[in-house]
Amino acid sequence: MEKSMSVRGRLSAALAMALALVSAPASSHHSFAMFDQNKLIELKGVTVLEFKWGNPHVYLIVQSGQTRYGLECASPSALTSTGWRFNSVKAGDRIDVTLFPLRNGKAGGALKGATLPNGQKLGAL
């Protein structure tokens, strides 16, 4: 009887560990609820300050006049499927962007699409 409890205990511990490992990536992800997906903002001729290509999301930092916008994008793999590459834009590029704004009114949002300096249009969501 004592032996079977030990096996049961080890099984329980292994199951708990497996569940913790599986749920960890899910808990680090968030929804896009902070963005107002009923509104679109178009910014023309913004200057790219930074393009951060990495998981879980790509980020694009742009400046329009005196305002800086932090734009969250999809994952690198999702962006690649819409034509983006790690070097699609670089600091100093002037591009047009379309975004879903932050619900709190701050400068930022979720990138919906961009028009690059060469005229190429890329989707983002």
C-alpha atoms as a PDB file:
ATOM      1  CA  MET A   1       0.000   0.000   0.000  1.00  0.00           C
ATOM      2  CA  GLU A   2       2.789   2.417   0.914  1.00  0.00           C
ATOM      3  CA  LYS A   3       4.499   1.700  -2.408  1.00  0.00           C
ATOM      4  CA  SER A   4       1.384   2.558  -4.450  1.00  0.00           C
ATOM      5  CA  MET A   5       1.015   5.875  -2.576  1.00  0.00           C
ATOM      6  CA  SER A   6       4.567   6.731  -3.541  1.00  0.00           C
ATOM      7  CA  VAL A   7       3.823   6.013  -7.201  1.00  0.00           C
ATOM      8  CA  ARG A   8       0.617   8.032  -6.950  1.00  0.00           C
ATOM      9  CA  GLY A   9       2.486  10.900  -5.355  1.00  0.00           C
ATOM     10  CA  ARG A  10       5.107  10.899  -8.091  1.00  0.00           C
ATOM     11  CA  LEU A  11       2.418  10.758 -10.748  1.00  0.00           C
ATOM     12  CA  SER A  12       0.613  13.710  -9.168  1.00  0.00           C
ATOM     13  CA  ALA A  13       3.819  15.711  -8.993  1.00  0.00           C
ATOM     14  CA  ALA A  14       4.659  14.925 -12.630  1.00  0.00           C
ATOM     15  CA  LEU A  15       1.159  15.918 -13.730  1.00  0.00           C
ATOM     16  CA  ALA A  16       1.329  19.180 -11.778  1.00  0.00           C
ATOM     17  CA  MET A  17       4.695  19.970 -13.344  1.00  0.00           C
ATOM     18  CA  ALA A  18       3.431  19.224 -16.848  1.00  0.00           C
ATOM     19  CA  LEU A  19       0.413  21.486 -16.335  1.00  0.00           C
ATOM     20  CA  ALA A  20       2.631  24.294 -15.050  1.00  0.00           C
ATOM     21  CA  LEU A  21       4.909  24.036 -18.081  1.00  0.00           C
ATOM     22  CA  VAL A  22       1.996  24.026 -20.526  1.00  0.00           C
ATOM     23  CA  SER A  23       0.202  26.952 -18.905  1.00  0.00           C
ATOM     24  CA  ALA A  24       3.262  29.225 -18.519  1.00  0.00           C
ATOM     25  CA  PRO A  25       3.384  30.398 -22.169  1.00  0.00           C
ATOM     26  CA  ALA A  26      -0.357  31.006 -22.205  1.00  0.00           C
ATOM     27  CA  SER A  27      -0.251  33.191 -19.110  1.00  0.00           C
ATOM     28  CA  SER A  28       2.421  35.444 -20.616  1.00  0.00           C
ATOM     29  CA  HIS A  29       0.249  36.337 -23.593  1.00  0.00           C
ATOM     30  CA  HIS A  30      -2.374  39.054 -23.480  1.00  0.00           C
ATOM     31  CA  SER A  31      -5.377  39.928 -25.558  1.00  0.00           C
ATOM     32  CA  PHE A  32      -5.716  42.880 -27.882  1.00  0.00           C
ATOM     33  CA  ALA A  33      -8.646  44.202 -25.791  1.00  0.00           C
ATOM     34  CA  MET A  34      -6.652  47.315 -24.879  1.00  0.00           C
ATOM     35  CA  PHE A  35      -6.972  48.500 -28.496  1.00  0.00           C
ATOM     36  CA  ASP A  36     -10.139  50.020 -29.928  1.00  0.00           C
ATOM     37  CA  GLN A  37     -10.720  47.833 -32.982  1.00  0.00           C
ATOM     38  CA  ASN A  38     -13.734  49.951 -33.976  1.00  0.00           C
ATOM     39  CA  LYS A  39     -11.506  52.955 -34.745  1.00  0.00           C
ATOM     40  CA  LEU A  40      -8.709  53.315 -37.256  1.00  0.00           C
ATOM     41  CA  ILE A  41      -6.121  56.066 -37.276  1.00  0.00           C
ATOM     42  CA  GLU A  42      -3.964  56.822 -40.308  1.00  0.00           C
ATOM     43  CA  LEU A  43      -0.630  58.514 -39.794  1.00  0.00           C
ATOM     44  CA  LYS A  44       1.143  59.689 -42.939  1.00  0.00           C
ATOM     45  CA  GLY A  45       4.868  60.234 -43.237  1.00  0.00           C
ATOM     46  CA  VAL A  46       5.824  59.136 -39.722  1.00  0.00           C
ATOM     47  CA  THR A  47       9.482  58.551 -38.954  1.00  0.00           C
ATOM     48  CA  VAL A  48      10.542  55.104 -37.820  1.00  0.00           C
ATOM     49  CA  LEU A  49      12.509  55.365 -34.587  1.00  0.00           C
ATOM     50  CA  GLU A  50      12.827  51.666 -33.847  1.00  0.00           C
ATOM     51  CA  PHE A  51      11.716  48.316 -35.252  1.00  0.00           C
ATOM     52  CA  LYS A  52      11.968  45.483 -32.716  1.00  0.00           C
ATOM     53  CA  TRP A  53      11.653  42.085 -34.403  1.00  0.00           C
ATOM     54  CA  GLY A  54      11.149  39.412 -31.753  1.00  0.00           C
ATOM     55  CA  ASN A  55       8.720  37.147 -29.947  1.00  0.00           C
ATOM     56  CA  PRO A  56       6.053  37.243 -28.742  1.00  0.00           C
ATOM     57  CA  HIS A  57       5.275  40.464 -30.657  1.00  0.00           C
ATOM     58  CA  VAL A  58       7.097  42.794 -33.011  1.00  0.00           C
ATOM     59  CA  TYR A  59       7.106  46.466 -31.993  1.00  0.00           C
ATOM     60  CA  LEU A  60       7.339  49.542 -34.170  1.00  0.00           C
ATOM     61  CA  ILE A  61       8.138  52.904 -32.588  1.00  0.00           C
ATOM     62  CA  VAL A  62       7.342  55.894 -34.815  1.00  0.00           C
ATOM     63  CA  GLN A  63       7.206  59.652 -34.430  1.00  0.00           C
ATOM     64  CA  SER A  64       4.585  61.956 -35.909  1.00  0.00           C
ATOM     65  CA  GLY A  65       5.379  65.600 -35.198  1.00  0.00           C
ATOM     66  CA  GLN A  66       6.216  65.757 -31.490  1.00  0.00           C
ATOM     67  CA  THR A  67       4.320  62.555 -30.642  1.00  0.00           C
ATOM     68  CA  ARG A  68       5.862  59.104 -30.357  1.00  0.00           C
ATOM     69  CA  TYR A  69       3.684  56.068 -30.949  1.00  0.00           C
ATOM     70  CA  GLY A  70       4.473  52.591 -29.688  1.00  0.00           C
ATOM     71  CA  LEU A  71       2.782  50.160 -32.061  1.00  0.00           C
ATOM     72  CA  GLU A  72       2.325  46.534 -31.167  1.00  0.00           C
ATOM     73  CA  CYS A  73       2.334  44.094 -34.048  1.00  0.00           C
ATOM     74  CA  ALA A  74       1.690  40.392 -34.443  1.00  0.00           C
ATOM     75  CA  SER A  75       4.387  37.758 -33.965  1.00  0.00           C
ATOM     76  CA  PRO A  76       7.326  37.531 -36.378  1.00  0.00           C
ATOM     77  CA  SER A  77       5.869  34.389 -37.978  1.00  0.00           C
ATOM     78  CA  ALA A  78       2.466  36.034 -38.508  1.00  0.00           C
ATOM     79  CA  LEU A  79       4.085  39.157 -39.976  1.00  0.00           C
ATOM     80  CA  THR A  80       6.301  37.079 -42.256  1.00  0.00           C
ATOM     81  CA  SER A  81       3.182  35.497 -43.706  1.00  0.00           C
ATOM     82  CA  THR A  82       1.937  38.989 -44.692  1.00  0.00           C
ATOM     83  CA  GLY A  83       5.218  40.013 -46.338  1.00  0.00           C
ATOM     84  CA  TRP A  84       7.149  41.593 -43.475  1.00  0.00           C
ATOM     85  CA  ARG A  85      10.829  40.803 -42.857  1.00  0.00           C
ATOM     86  CA  PHE A  86      13.137  41.662 -39.970  1.00  0.00           C
ATOM     87  CA  ASN A  87      14.606  44.427 -42.158  1.00  0.00           C
ATOM     88  CA  SER A  88      11.417  45.766 -43.782  1.00  0.00           C
ATOM     89  CA  VAL A  89      11.922  49.138 -42.086  1.00  0.00           C
ATOM     90  CA  LYS A  90      14.810  50.789 -40.311  1.00  0.00           C
ATOM     91  CA  ALA A  91      15.299  53.840 -38.144  1.00  0.00           C
ATOM     92  CA  GLY A  92      14.904  56.999 -40.197  1.00  0.00           C
ATOM     93  CA  ASP A  93      12.489  55.538 -42.775  1.00  0.00           C
ATOM     94  CA  ARG A  94       9.369  57.614 -43.478  1.00  0.00           C
ATOM     95  CA  ILE A  95       6.283  55.415 -43.720  1.00  0.00           C
ATOM     96  CA  ASP A  96       2.503  55.617 -43.490  1.00  0.00           C
ATOM     97  CA  VAL A  97       0.791  53.526 -40.806  1.00  0.00           C
ATOM     98  CA  THR A  98      -2.770  52.532 -39.992  1.00  0.00           C
ATOM     99  CA  LEU A  99      -3.462  51.527 -36.403  1.00  0.00           C
ATOM    100  CA  PHE A 100      -6.125  50.623 -33.897  1.00  0.00           C
ATOM    101  CA  PRO A 101      -5.613  53.191 -31.097  1.00  0.00           C
ATOM    102  CA  LEU A 102      -5.223  52.436 -27.415  1.00  0.00           C
ATOM    103  CA  ARG A 103      -8.540  52.665 -25.548  1.00  0.00           C
ATOM    104  CA  ASN A 104      -6.947  54.816 -22.837  1.00  0.00           C
ATOM    105  CA  GLY A 105      -6.217  57.633 -25.324  1.00  0.00           C
ATOM    106  CA  LYS A 106      -2.438  57.459 -25.032  1.00  0.00           C
ATOM    107  CA  ALA A 107      -0.258  57.592 -28.148  1.00  0.00           C
ATOM    108  CA  GLY A 108       0.054  54.008 -29.309  1.00  0.00           C
ATOM    109  CA  GLY A 109      -1.902  51.147 -30.695  1.00  0.00           C
ATOM    110  CA  ALA A 110      -1.960  47.942 -32.658  1.00  0.00           C
ATOM    111  CA  LEU A 111      -0.522  48.206 -36.143  1.00  0.00           C
ATOM    112  CA  LYS A 112      -3.047  47.264 -38.831  1.00  0.00           C
ATOM    113  CA  GLY A 113      -0.885  48.026 -41.851  1.00  0.00           C
ATOM    114  CA  ALA A 114       1.923  50.121 -43.269  1.00  0.00           C
ATOM    115  CA  THR A 115       3.038  51.597 -46.553  1.00  0.00           C
ATOM    116  CA  LEU A 116       6.812  51.453 -46.915  1.00  0.00           C
ATOM    117  CA  PRO A 117       9.054  54.066 -48.577  1.00  0.00           C
ATOM    118  CA  ASN A 118       9.021  52.049 -51.833  1.00  0.00           C
ATOM    119  CA  GLY A 119       5.194  52.068 -51.891  1.00  0.00           C
ATOM    120  CA  GLN A 120       4.841  48.445 -50.773  1.00  0.00           C
ATOM    121  CA  LYS A 121       1.774  47.915 -48.580  1.00  0.00           C
ATOM    122  CA  LEU A 122       2.020  45.408 -45.743  1.00  0.00           C
ATOM    123  CA  GLY A 123      -0.722  44.156 -43.425  1.00  0.00           C
ATOM    124  CA  ALA A 124      -0.047  43.485 -39.789  1.00  0.00           C
ATOM    125  CA  LEU A 125      -3.126  41.955 -38.125  1.00  0.00           C
END
